[in-house]
């Protein structure tokens, strides 16, 4: 089973994450940041990754440390759970519509972290949530997960729709990349023979 648990504790946050890459999208995410929990639920459901996240952080300051540190922990958990990446498809992409919003995601579980983020969110907040934290989350997730991640909003005017479409697009692309390759189930999908360096 491709699963992992990660705990991370600092002076700013305490995070625990448990994931199962071969799940059915069952989630139980509690970070104290309501909109962020909703987005983590989308990530789990549409990637079919079972996910439990518990986070307590310095929310009296703002949500930044909690959101970023959950991204760090989730990225580490993904890297641990996928292991040497033997037998996976490696690449994934999605063009995801959500009402007015249209978001494109392409990713590579390359072991070489990189983020290209072309997502303009029209408003600074969605409810009480700072929309600039979406990029912070995906930066942390990609860097710790060893993911080359490109996300681009092609259309949209509603901030909630744009951000939710981004999470769903990443989820769908992850689902594709993590799926077993029926034609090469015994091979690491690289001519180098490794995706860990």
Protein backbone atom coordinates (compact mmCIF):
# COMPACT_ATOMS: atom_id res chain seq x y z
CA UNK A 1 0.00 0.00 0.00
CA UNK A 2 1.32 3.44 -0.95
CA UNK A 3 0.70 5.35 2.24
CA UNK A 4 2.58 7.67 4.57
CA UNK A 5 2.26 9.63 7.78
CA UNK A 6 4.17 12.81 8.51
CA UNK A 7 4.27 14.89 11.68
CA UNK A 8 5.85 18.32 11.79
CA UNK A 9 6.15 20.57 14.83
CA UNK A 10 7.59 24.07 15.03
CA UNK A 11 7.10 27.10 17.25
CA UNK A 12 4.43 28.24 14.78
CA UNK A 13 2.48 25.08 13.88
CA UNK A 14 1.87 21.46 14.73
CA UNK A 15 0.88 19.38 11.72
CA UNK A 16 0.05 15.71 11.22
CA UNK A 17 -0.79 14.25 7.83
CA UNK A 18 -1.80 10.73 6.81
CA UNK A 19 -2.38 9.82 3.15
CA UNK A 20 -3.14 6.71 1.12
CA UNK A 21 -2.46 7.15 -2.59
CA UNK A 22 -4.57 4.08 -3.42
CA UNK A 23 -7.65 5.29 -1.60
CA UNK A 24 -11.05 6.41 -2.74
CA UNK A 25 -10.91 10.09 -1.81
CA UNK A 26 -12.00 9.81 1.82
CA UNK A 27 -10.98 12.93 3.74
CA UNK A 28 -10.96 14.36 7.24
CA UNK A 29 -9.14 17.68 7.20
CA UNK A 30 -9.13 20.07 10.13
CA UNK A 31 -6.73 23.01 10.04
CA UNK A 32 -8.76 25.74 11.69
CA UNK A 33 -8.96 27.53 8.32
CA UNK A 34 -12.39 26.77 6.88
CA UNK A 35 -11.87 27.63 3.22
CA UNK A 36 -8.51 25.84 3.20
CA UNK A 37 -10.13 22.70 4.64
CA UNK A 38 -12.65 22.87 1.79
CA UNK A 39 -9.81 23.02 -0.75
CA UNK A 40 -7.94 20.11 0.88
CA UNK A 41 -11.19 18.12 0.69
CA UNK A 42 -11.30 18.84 -3.06
CA UNK A 43 -7.68 17.75 -3.47
CA UNK A 44 -8.39 14.46 -1.70
CA UNK A 45 -11.70 13.71 -3.40
CA UNK A 46 -10.59 14.42 -6.96
CA UNK A 47 -7.14 12.80 -6.67
CA UNK A 48 -8.71 9.75 -4.96
CA UNK A 49 -6.14 10.12 -2.20
CA UNK A 50 -7.43 9.31 1.28
CA UNK A 51 -6.27 12.20 3.45
CA UNK A 52 -6.37 13.14 7.09
CA UNK A 53 -4.85 16.46 8.11
CA UNK A 54 -4.69 17.92 11.60
CA UNK A 55 -3.14 21.33 12.10
CA UNK A 56 -2.95 23.80 14.92
CA UNK A 57 -1.11 27.02 14.30
CA UNK A 58 -0.69 30.66 15.16
CA UNK A 59 -3.98 31.70 13.56
CA UNK A 60 -4.13 34.70 15.90
CA UNK A 61 -1.37 36.14 13.68
CA UNK A 62 -2.73 34.96 10.33
CA UNK A 63 -3.24 31.77 8.30
CA UNK A 64 0.10 31.89 6.49
CA UNK A 65 2.17 29.51 8.62
CA UNK A 66 -0.62 26.95 8.86
CA UNK A 67 -1.32 26.86 5.12
CA UNK A 68 2.34 26.77 4.12
CA UNK A 69 3.29 24.14 6.70
CA UNK A 70 0.42 21.87 5.67
CA UNK A 71 1.79 22.16 2.12
CA UNK A 72 5.23 21.14 3.37
CA UNK A 73 3.85 18.14 5.28
CA UNK A 74 1.60 16.99 2.44
CA UNK A 75 4.46 17.24 -0.04
CA UNK A 76 6.71 15.17 2.20
CA UNK A 77 3.96 12.61 2.70
CA UNK A 78 3.40 12.32 -1.05
CA UNK A 79 7.12 11.83 -1.73
CA UNK A 80 7.34 9.19 0.98
CA UNK A 81 4.20 7.34 -0.14
CA UNK A 82 5.12 7.19 -3.84
CA UNK A 83 8.58 5.80 -3.04
CA UNK A 84 10.86 5.16 -6.02
CA UNK A 85 7.91 5.79 -8.40
CA UNK A 86 8.20 2.38 -9.99
CA UNK A 87 5.22 1.58 -12.20
CA UNK A 88 3.51 4.98 -12.17
CA UNK A 89 2.55 7.03 -15.19
CA UNK A 90 4.60 9.97 -13.80
CA UNK A 91 2.92 12.72 -15.86
CA UNK A 92 -0.54 14.16 -15.47
CA UNK A 93 -2.55 17.02 -16.88
CA UNK A 94 -6.04 18.45 -16.69
CA UNK A 95 -8.07 21.24 -18.24
CA UNK A 96 -10.74 21.88 -15.64
CA UNK A 97 -13.82 24.09 -16.02
CA UNK A 98 -15.78 25.37 -13.04
CA UNK A 99 -18.52 27.75 -14.13
CA UNK A 100 -16.69 30.92 -15.26
CA UNK A 101 -13.26 29.55 -14.34
CA UNK A 102 -11.00 27.45 -16.56
CA UNK A 103 -7.71 26.20 -15.12
CA UNK A 104 -5.01 24.14 -16.78
CA UNK A 105 -2.58 21.99 -14.81
CA UNK A 106 0.32 19.87 -16.01
CA UNK A 107 2.70 18.10 -13.66
CA UNK A 108 5.59 15.70 -13.56
CA UNK A 109 6.51 13.62 -10.51
CA UNK A 110 10.08 14.21 -11.58
CA UNK A 111 11.86 14.59 -8.26
CA UNK A 112 12.88 18.04 -9.54
CA UNK A 113 10.63 20.57 -7.80
CA UNK A 114 9.54 23.59 -9.80
CA UNK A 115 6.43 25.75 -9.79
CA UNK A 116 5.05 27.86 -12.61
CA UNK A 117 2.03 29.74 -11.25
CA UNK A 118 -0.03 31.87 -13.62
CA UNK A 119 -3.18 32.27 -11.58
CA UNK A 120 -4.53 35.77 -11.03
CA UNK A 121 -7.18 35.81 -8.32
CA UNK A 122 -9.32 38.96 -8.60
CA UNK A 123 -9.86 39.50 -4.87
CA UNK A 124 -7.42 39.56 -1.96
CA UNK A 125 -9.75 37.45 0.17
CA UNK A 126 -12.32 34.69 -0.16
CA UNK A 127 -14.31 35.19 3.01
CA UNK A 128 -11.56 35.54 5.62
CA UNK A 129 -9.00 33.56 3.59
CA UNK A 130 -6.04 35.39 2.01
CA UNK A 131 -5.97 34.29 -1.62
CA UNK A 132 -2.19 34.83 -1.92
CA UNK A 133 -1.81 31.78 0.34
CA UNK A 134 -2.94 29.47 -2.47
CA UNK A 135 0.38 30.00 -4.22
CA UNK A 136 2.22 29.55 -0.91
CA UNK A 137 0.53 26.19 -0.41
CA UNK A 138 1.35 24.91 -3.89
CA UNK A 139 4.93 26.20 -3.67
CA UNK A 140 5.49 24.24 -0.46
CA UNK A 141 3.68 21.17 -1.81
CA UNK A 142 5.67 21.10 -5.06
CA UNK A 143 9.04 21.76 -3.40
CA UNK A 144 8.64 19.04 -0.77
CA UNK A 145 6.85 16.61 -3.08
CA UNK A 146 9.48 16.82 -5.82
CA UNK A 147 6.86 17.91 -8.34
CA UNK A 148 7.33 19.98 -11.48
CA UNK A 149 4.00 21.80 -11.35
CA UNK A 150 2.48 24.21 -13.86
CA UNK A 151 -0.87 25.84 -13.06
CA UNK A 152 -2.51 28.47 -15.25
CA UNK A 153 -5.91 30.14 -15.03
CA UNK A 154 -7.15 30.64 -18.57
CA UNK A 155 -10.43 32.30 -17.67
CA UNK A 156 -12.58 33.32 -14.73
CA UNK A 157 -13.81 36.23 -12.67
CA UNK A 158 -15.05 34.58 -9.47
CA UNK A 159 -12.19 34.11 -6.99
CA UNK A 160 -13.75 31.09 -5.28
CA UNK A 161 -14.26 29.33 -8.62
CA UNK A 162 -10.73 30.07 -9.83
CA UNK A 163 -9.06 28.77 -6.66
CA UNK A 164 -11.29 25.72 -6.39
CA UNK A 165 -10.70 24.92 -10.07
CA UNK A 166 -6.95 25.13 -9.42
CA UNK A 167 -7.12 22.61 -6.58
CA UNK A 168 -9.34 20.29 -8.60
CA UNK A 169 -7.11 20.53 -11.67
CA UNK A 170 -4.03 19.67 -9.62
CA UNK A 171 -5.95 16.80 -8.03
CA UNK A 172 -7.00 15.33 -11.38
CA UNK A 173 -3.47 15.65 -12.76
CA UNK A 174 -2.07 13.98 -9.63
CA UNK A 175 -4.55 11.13 -9.99
CA UNK A 176 -3.37 10.55 -13.54
CA UNK A 177 0.34 10.75 -12.68
CA UNK A 178 0.05 8.39 -9.71
CA UNK A 179 -1.92 5.72 -11.55
CA UNK A 180 -0.14 2.43 -12.27
CA UNK A 181 1.02 2.09 -15.86
CA UNK A 182 -0.37 -1.27 -17.04
CA UNK A 183 2.28 -1.48 -19.76
CA UNK A 184 5.27 -0.81 -17.46
CA UNK A 185 4.24 -1.77 -13.94
CA UNK A 186 7.76 -2.97 -13.07
CA UNK A 187 9.72 0.01 -14.37
CA UNK A 188 10.75 3.43 -13.13
CA UNK A 189 9.43 5.84 -15.79
CA UNK A 190 12.76 7.45 -16.68
CA UNK A 191 15.63 6.65 -19.03
CA UNK A 192 17.96 7.53 -16.12
CA UNK A 193 16.60 4.62 -14.11
CA UNK A 194 15.80 6.87 -11.15
CA UNK A 195 13.44 9.71 -10.26
CA UNK A 196 14.87 10.38 -6.82
CA UNK A 197 17.67 12.72 -7.90
